[in-house]
N, C-alpha and C. Protein backbone atom coordinates (compact mmCIF):
# COMPACT_ATOMS: atom_id res chain seq x y z
N UNK A 1 17.28 -13.81 24.08
CA UNK A 1 17.53 -14.33 22.74
C UNK A 1 16.27 -14.97 22.16
N UNK A 2 15.63 -15.84 22.97
CA UNK A 2 14.44 -16.55 22.50
C UNK A 2 13.34 -15.56 22.12
N UNK A 3 13.05 -14.61 22.98
CA UNK A 3 12.00 -13.64 22.67
C UNK A 3 12.34 -12.83 21.45
N UNK A 4 13.62 -12.45 21.30
CA UNK A 4 14.05 -11.71 20.13
C UNK A 4 13.84 -12.51 18.85
N UNK A 5 14.16 -13.80 18.90
CA UNK A 5 13.97 -14.66 17.74
C UNK A 5 12.49 -14.80 17.42
N UNK A 6 11.67 -15.01 18.43
CA UNK A 6 10.23 -15.14 18.21
C UNK A 6 9.69 -13.88 17.55
N UNK A 7 10.13 -12.72 17.99
CA UNK A 7 9.66 -11.45 17.40
C UNK A 7 10.07 -11.35 15.93
N UNK A 8 11.28 -11.81 15.61
CA UNK A 8 11.72 -11.84 14.20
C UNK A 8 10.80 -12.75 13.39
N UNK A 9 10.49 -13.90 13.95
CA UNK A 9 9.59 -14.84 13.28
C UNK A 9 8.26 -14.17 12.97
N UNK A 10 7.69 -13.50 13.96
CA UNK A 10 6.38 -12.87 13.76
C UNK A 10 6.46 -11.79 12.69
N UNK A 11 7.55 -11.02 12.67
CA UNK A 11 7.69 -9.96 11.67
C UNK A 11 7.79 -10.55 10.26
N UNK A 12 8.51 -11.63 10.10
CA UNK A 12 8.64 -12.27 8.78
C UNK A 12 7.32 -12.88 8.36
N UNK A 13 6.66 -13.60 9.25
CA UNK A 13 5.40 -14.27 8.91
C UNK A 13 4.33 -13.26 8.51
N UNK A 14 4.34 -12.10 9.12
CA UNK A 14 3.37 -11.06 8.74
C UNK A 14 3.53 -10.63 7.28
N UNK A 15 4.67 -10.88 6.68
CA UNK A 15 4.93 -10.46 5.30
C UNK A 15 4.44 -11.47 4.26
N UNK A 16 4.09 -12.67 4.68
CA UNK A 16 3.63 -13.69 3.72
C UNK A 16 2.27 -13.25 3.19
N UNK A 17 2.16 -13.03 1.89
CA UNK A 17 0.88 -12.56 1.35
C UNK A 17 -0.17 -13.66 1.25
N UNK A 18 -1.43 -13.24 1.18
CA UNK A 18 -2.52 -14.19 0.94
C UNK A 18 -2.22 -14.95 -0.34
N UNK A 19 -2.56 -16.23 -0.33
CA UNK A 19 -2.35 -17.05 -1.52
C UNK A 19 -0.95 -17.63 -1.61
N UNK A 20 -0.12 -17.37 -0.61
CA UNK A 20 1.24 -17.90 -0.59
C UNK A 20 1.50 -18.58 0.74
N UNK A 21 2.48 -19.48 0.76
CA UNK A 21 2.93 -20.12 1.99
C UNK A 21 4.44 -20.03 2.05
N UNK A 22 4.97 -20.19 3.25
CA UNK A 22 6.41 -20.28 3.47
C UNK A 22 6.67 -21.53 4.30
N UNK A 23 7.92 -21.96 4.32
CA UNK A 23 8.28 -23.13 5.10
C UNK A 23 8.92 -22.70 6.42
N UNK A 24 8.92 -23.63 7.38
CA UNK A 24 9.56 -23.35 8.66
C UNK A 24 11.03 -23.01 8.46
N UNK A 25 11.71 -23.76 7.60
CA UNK A 25 13.12 -23.52 7.33
C UNK A 25 13.35 -22.18 6.64
N UNK A 26 12.48 -21.82 5.74
CA UNK A 26 12.57 -20.54 5.04
C UNK A 26 12.46 -19.39 6.04
N UNK A 27 11.50 -19.50 6.96
CA UNK A 27 11.33 -18.46 7.97
C UNK A 27 12.58 -18.39 8.85
N UNK A 28 13.12 -19.54 9.24
CA UNK A 28 14.33 -19.56 10.07
C UNK A 28 15.49 -18.86 9.34
N UNK A 29 15.68 -19.15 8.06
CA UNK A 29 16.75 -18.50 7.28
C UNK A 29 16.54 -16.99 7.24
N UNK A 30 15.32 -16.57 6.99
CA UNK A 30 15.03 -15.14 6.91
C UNK A 30 15.21 -14.44 8.27
N UNK A 31 15.16 -15.21 9.34
CA UNK A 31 15.39 -14.66 10.68
C UNK A 31 16.86 -14.72 11.08
N UNK A 32 17.69 -15.27 10.21
CA UNK A 32 19.12 -15.26 10.47
C UNK A 32 19.74 -16.54 10.97
N UNK A 33 18.94 -17.63 11.11
CA UNK A 33 19.52 -18.88 11.57
C UNK A 33 18.75 -20.06 10.96
N UNK A 34 19.30 -20.59 9.89
CA UNK A 34 18.64 -21.67 9.14
C UNK A 34 18.42 -22.93 9.96
N UNK A 35 19.13 -23.09 11.06
CA UNK A 35 19.03 -24.31 11.86
C UNK A 35 17.92 -24.22 12.92
N UNK A 36 17.15 -23.15 12.89
CA UNK A 36 16.14 -22.97 13.94
C UNK A 36 14.70 -23.16 13.45
N UNK A 37 14.51 -24.04 12.47
CA UNK A 37 13.17 -24.29 11.94
C UNK A 37 12.22 -24.79 13.03
N UNK A 38 12.71 -25.65 13.91
CA UNK A 38 11.87 -26.18 14.98
C UNK A 38 11.42 -25.05 15.92
N UNK A 39 12.32 -24.10 16.18
CA UNK A 39 11.98 -22.96 17.03
C UNK A 39 10.95 -22.06 16.35
N UNK A 40 10.98 -22.00 15.02
CA UNK A 40 9.94 -21.26 14.30
C UNK A 40 8.59 -21.88 14.63
N UNK A 41 8.53 -23.20 14.62
CA UNK A 41 7.29 -23.90 14.97
C UNK A 41 6.83 -23.56 16.37
N UNK A 42 7.77 -23.52 17.32
CA UNK A 42 7.40 -23.18 18.70
C UNK A 42 6.89 -21.74 18.77
N UNK A 43 7.54 -20.85 18.06
CA UNK A 43 7.10 -19.44 18.06
C UNK A 43 5.67 -19.34 17.54
N UNK A 44 5.39 -20.07 16.47
CA UNK A 44 4.05 -20.00 15.89
C UNK A 44 3.02 -20.69 16.78
N UNK A 45 3.46 -21.70 17.52
CA UNK A 45 2.55 -22.40 18.44
C UNK A 45 2.06 -21.46 19.55
N UNK A 46 2.86 -20.48 19.91
CA UNK A 46 2.47 -19.53 20.95
C UNK A 46 2.19 -18.15 20.36
N UNK A 47 1.78 -18.12 19.11
CA UNK A 47 1.46 -16.88 18.40
C UNK A 47 0.55 -15.98 19.25
N UNK A 48 1.04 -14.79 19.63
CA UNK A 48 0.24 -13.93 20.50
C UNK A 48 -0.89 -13.19 19.78
N UNK A 49 -0.85 -13.19 18.44
CA UNK A 49 -1.87 -12.47 17.66
C UNK A 49 -2.30 -13.31 16.46
N UNK A 50 -3.07 -14.37 16.68
CA UNK A 50 -3.40 -15.30 15.61
C UNK A 50 -4.06 -14.68 14.38
N UNK A 51 -4.79 -13.61 14.55
CA UNK A 51 -5.46 -13.02 13.39
C UNK A 51 -4.62 -11.93 12.73
N UNK A 52 -3.51 -11.58 13.35
CA UNK A 52 -2.60 -10.57 12.80
C UNK A 52 -1.37 -11.25 12.20
N UNK A 53 -0.88 -12.27 12.88
CA UNK A 53 0.28 -13.04 12.41
C UNK A 53 -0.27 -14.31 11.75
N UNK A 54 -0.24 -14.39 10.41
CA UNK A 54 -0.90 -15.49 9.70
C UNK A 54 -0.10 -16.80 9.72
N UNK A 55 0.01 -17.39 10.89
CA UNK A 55 0.82 -18.60 11.04
C UNK A 55 0.26 -19.78 10.24
N UNK A 56 -0.99 -19.71 9.83
CA UNK A 56 -1.55 -20.80 9.02
C UNK A 56 -0.86 -20.88 7.65
N UNK A 57 -0.12 -19.84 7.27
CA UNK A 57 0.59 -19.82 5.98
C UNK A 57 1.97 -20.46 6.05
N UNK A 58 2.33 -21.06 7.17
CA UNK A 58 3.64 -21.71 7.31
C UNK A 58 3.42 -23.22 7.33
N UNK A 59 4.14 -23.92 6.44
CA UNK A 59 3.99 -25.36 6.26
C UNK A 59 5.38 -26.00 6.17
N UNK A 60 5.45 -27.32 6.11
CA UNK A 60 6.74 -27.98 5.92
C UNK A 60 7.20 -27.79 4.48
N UNK A 61 8.47 -28.12 4.22
CA UNK A 61 9.00 -27.94 2.86
C UNK A 61 8.30 -28.84 1.85
N UNK A 62 7.65 -29.91 2.33
CA UNK A 62 6.88 -30.78 1.44
C UNK A 62 5.46 -30.27 1.22
N UNK A 63 5.05 -29.26 2.00
CA UNK A 63 3.70 -28.74 1.89
C UNK A 63 2.73 -29.36 2.88
N UNK A 64 3.27 -30.04 3.89
CA UNK A 64 2.43 -30.67 4.90
C UNK A 64 1.96 -29.64 5.91
N UNK A 65 0.74 -29.82 6.37
CA UNK A 65 0.15 -28.91 7.35
C UNK A 65 0.54 -29.31 8.77
N UNK A 66 0.22 -28.43 9.72
CA UNK A 66 0.52 -28.68 11.13
C UNK A 66 -0.31 -29.84 11.65
N UNK A 67 0.17 -30.50 12.72
CA UNK A 67 -0.61 -31.59 13.32
C UNK A 67 -1.96 -31.10 13.84
N UNK A 68 -2.79 -32.04 14.19
CA UNK A 68 -4.17 -31.76 14.57
C UNK A 68 -4.33 -30.78 15.73
N UNK A 69 -3.35 -30.72 16.65
CA UNK A 69 -3.54 -29.87 17.83
C UNK A 69 -3.44 -28.38 17.51
N UNK A 70 -2.92 -28.03 16.37
CA UNK A 70 -2.75 -26.62 16.03
C UNK A 70 -3.98 -26.08 15.31
N UNK A 71 -4.19 -24.80 15.38
CA UNK A 71 -5.21 -24.09 14.61
C UNK A 71 -6.65 -24.47 14.95
N UNK A 72 -6.87 -25.12 16.06
CA UNK A 72 -8.24 -25.42 16.46
C UNK A 72 -8.84 -26.66 15.83
N UNK A 73 -8.04 -27.54 15.31
CA UNK A 73 -8.54 -28.78 14.75
C UNK A 73 -7.81 -29.16 13.49
N UNK A 74 -7.94 -30.41 13.12
CA UNK A 74 -7.16 -30.97 12.03
C UNK A 74 -7.35 -30.25 10.70
N UNK A 75 -8.57 -29.83 10.40
CA UNK A 75 -8.85 -29.24 9.09
C UNK A 75 -8.85 -27.72 9.08
N UNK A 76 -8.66 -27.09 10.23
CA UNK A 76 -8.77 -25.63 10.29
C UNK A 76 -7.70 -24.93 9.45
N UNK A 77 -6.45 -25.41 9.47
CA UNK A 77 -5.41 -24.77 8.67
C UNK A 77 -5.71 -24.93 7.18
N UNK A 78 -6.14 -26.11 6.80
CA UNK A 78 -6.46 -26.35 5.39
C UNK A 78 -7.60 -25.43 4.93
N UNK A 79 -8.64 -25.31 5.74
CA UNK A 79 -9.76 -24.43 5.38
C UNK A 79 -9.29 -22.98 5.24
N UNK A 80 -8.43 -22.54 6.17
CA UNK A 80 -7.93 -21.16 6.10
C UNK A 80 -7.12 -20.94 4.83
N UNK A 81 -6.30 -21.91 4.47
CA UNK A 81 -5.49 -21.77 3.25
C UNK A 81 -6.36 -21.84 2.00
N UNK A 82 -7.30 -22.76 1.98
CA UNK A 82 -8.19 -22.87 0.82
C UNK A 82 -9.00 -21.59 0.64
N UNK A 83 -9.39 -20.95 1.74
CA UNK A 83 -10.16 -19.70 1.63
C UNK A 83 -9.33 -18.58 1.00
N UNK A 84 -8.00 -18.75 1.01
CA UNK A 84 -7.10 -17.76 0.39
C UNK A 84 -6.66 -18.19 -1.00
N UNK A 85 -7.24 -19.29 -1.51
CA UNK A 85 -6.93 -19.73 -2.86
C UNK A 85 -5.79 -20.72 -2.98
N UNK A 86 -5.32 -21.25 -1.87
CA UNK A 86 -4.24 -22.24 -1.89
C UNK A 86 -4.79 -23.57 -2.40
N UNK A 87 -4.06 -24.19 -3.33
CA UNK A 87 -4.44 -25.49 -3.90
C UNK A 87 -3.63 -26.60 -3.26
N UNK A 88 -4.23 -27.79 -3.20
CA UNK A 88 -3.59 -28.96 -2.64
C UNK A 88 -3.48 -30.05 -3.69
N UNK A 89 -2.39 -30.82 -3.63
CA UNK A 89 -2.19 -31.97 -4.50
C UNK A 89 -1.84 -33.15 -3.59
N UNK A 90 -2.63 -34.20 -3.65
CA UNK A 90 -2.42 -35.37 -2.80
C UNK A 90 -2.29 -35.01 -1.33
N UNK A 91 -3.11 -34.07 -0.86
CA UNK A 91 -3.14 -33.70 0.54
C UNK A 91 -2.09 -32.70 0.98
N UNK A 92 -1.22 -32.28 0.06
CA UNK A 92 -0.16 -31.33 0.38
C UNK A 92 -0.38 -30.03 -0.38
N UNK A 93 0.12 -28.93 0.20
CA UNK A 93 0.05 -27.64 -0.51
C UNK A 93 0.84 -27.77 -1.81
N UNK A 94 0.30 -27.24 -2.89
CA UNK A 94 1.01 -27.20 -4.17
C UNK A 94 2.13 -26.16 -4.04
N UNK A 95 3.31 -26.62 -3.63
CA UNK A 95 4.42 -25.71 -3.33
C UNK A 95 4.95 -25.01 -4.58
N UNK A 96 4.88 -25.66 -5.73
CA UNK A 96 5.35 -25.01 -6.96
C UNK A 96 4.51 -23.78 -7.28
N UNK A 97 3.26 -23.85 -6.95
CA UNK A 97 2.34 -22.76 -7.25
C UNK A 97 2.29 -21.70 -6.15
N UNK A 98 2.44 -22.11 -4.89
CA UNK A 98 2.14 -21.20 -3.80
C UNK A 98 3.31 -20.80 -2.89
N UNK A 99 4.53 -21.32 -3.16
CA UNK A 99 5.65 -20.97 -2.30
C UNK A 99 6.00 -19.49 -2.45
N UNK A 100 6.07 -18.83 -1.33
CA UNK A 100 6.42 -17.39 -1.28
C UNK A 100 7.87 -17.21 -1.64
N UNK A 101 8.15 -16.39 -2.60
CA UNK A 101 9.52 -16.07 -3.00
C UNK A 101 9.90 -14.74 -2.39
N UNK A 102 10.98 -14.74 -1.63
CA UNK A 102 11.45 -13.49 -1.05
C UNK A 102 12.94 -13.41 -1.14
């Protein structure tokens, strides 16, 4: 079950286009279980293909980035998102502008 869910997560995350972000809860809903947002985080933490599965595009519903231990350092996720044109307001992703609609 766990591996199947993780694979669903990876397939959904691969669909997030450049310049857009999705939330952990949004990914969980798209995978069929809205209550598994935390498991989405675990799946992304063990992402087997970091350059193929763009886990840097997944943020909290408020637009907060992952803690410092993820992505190779505190600012790495922000730099990756900014390089794709993502804007920040008060340290958070501008969700009104960049939330992926699916």
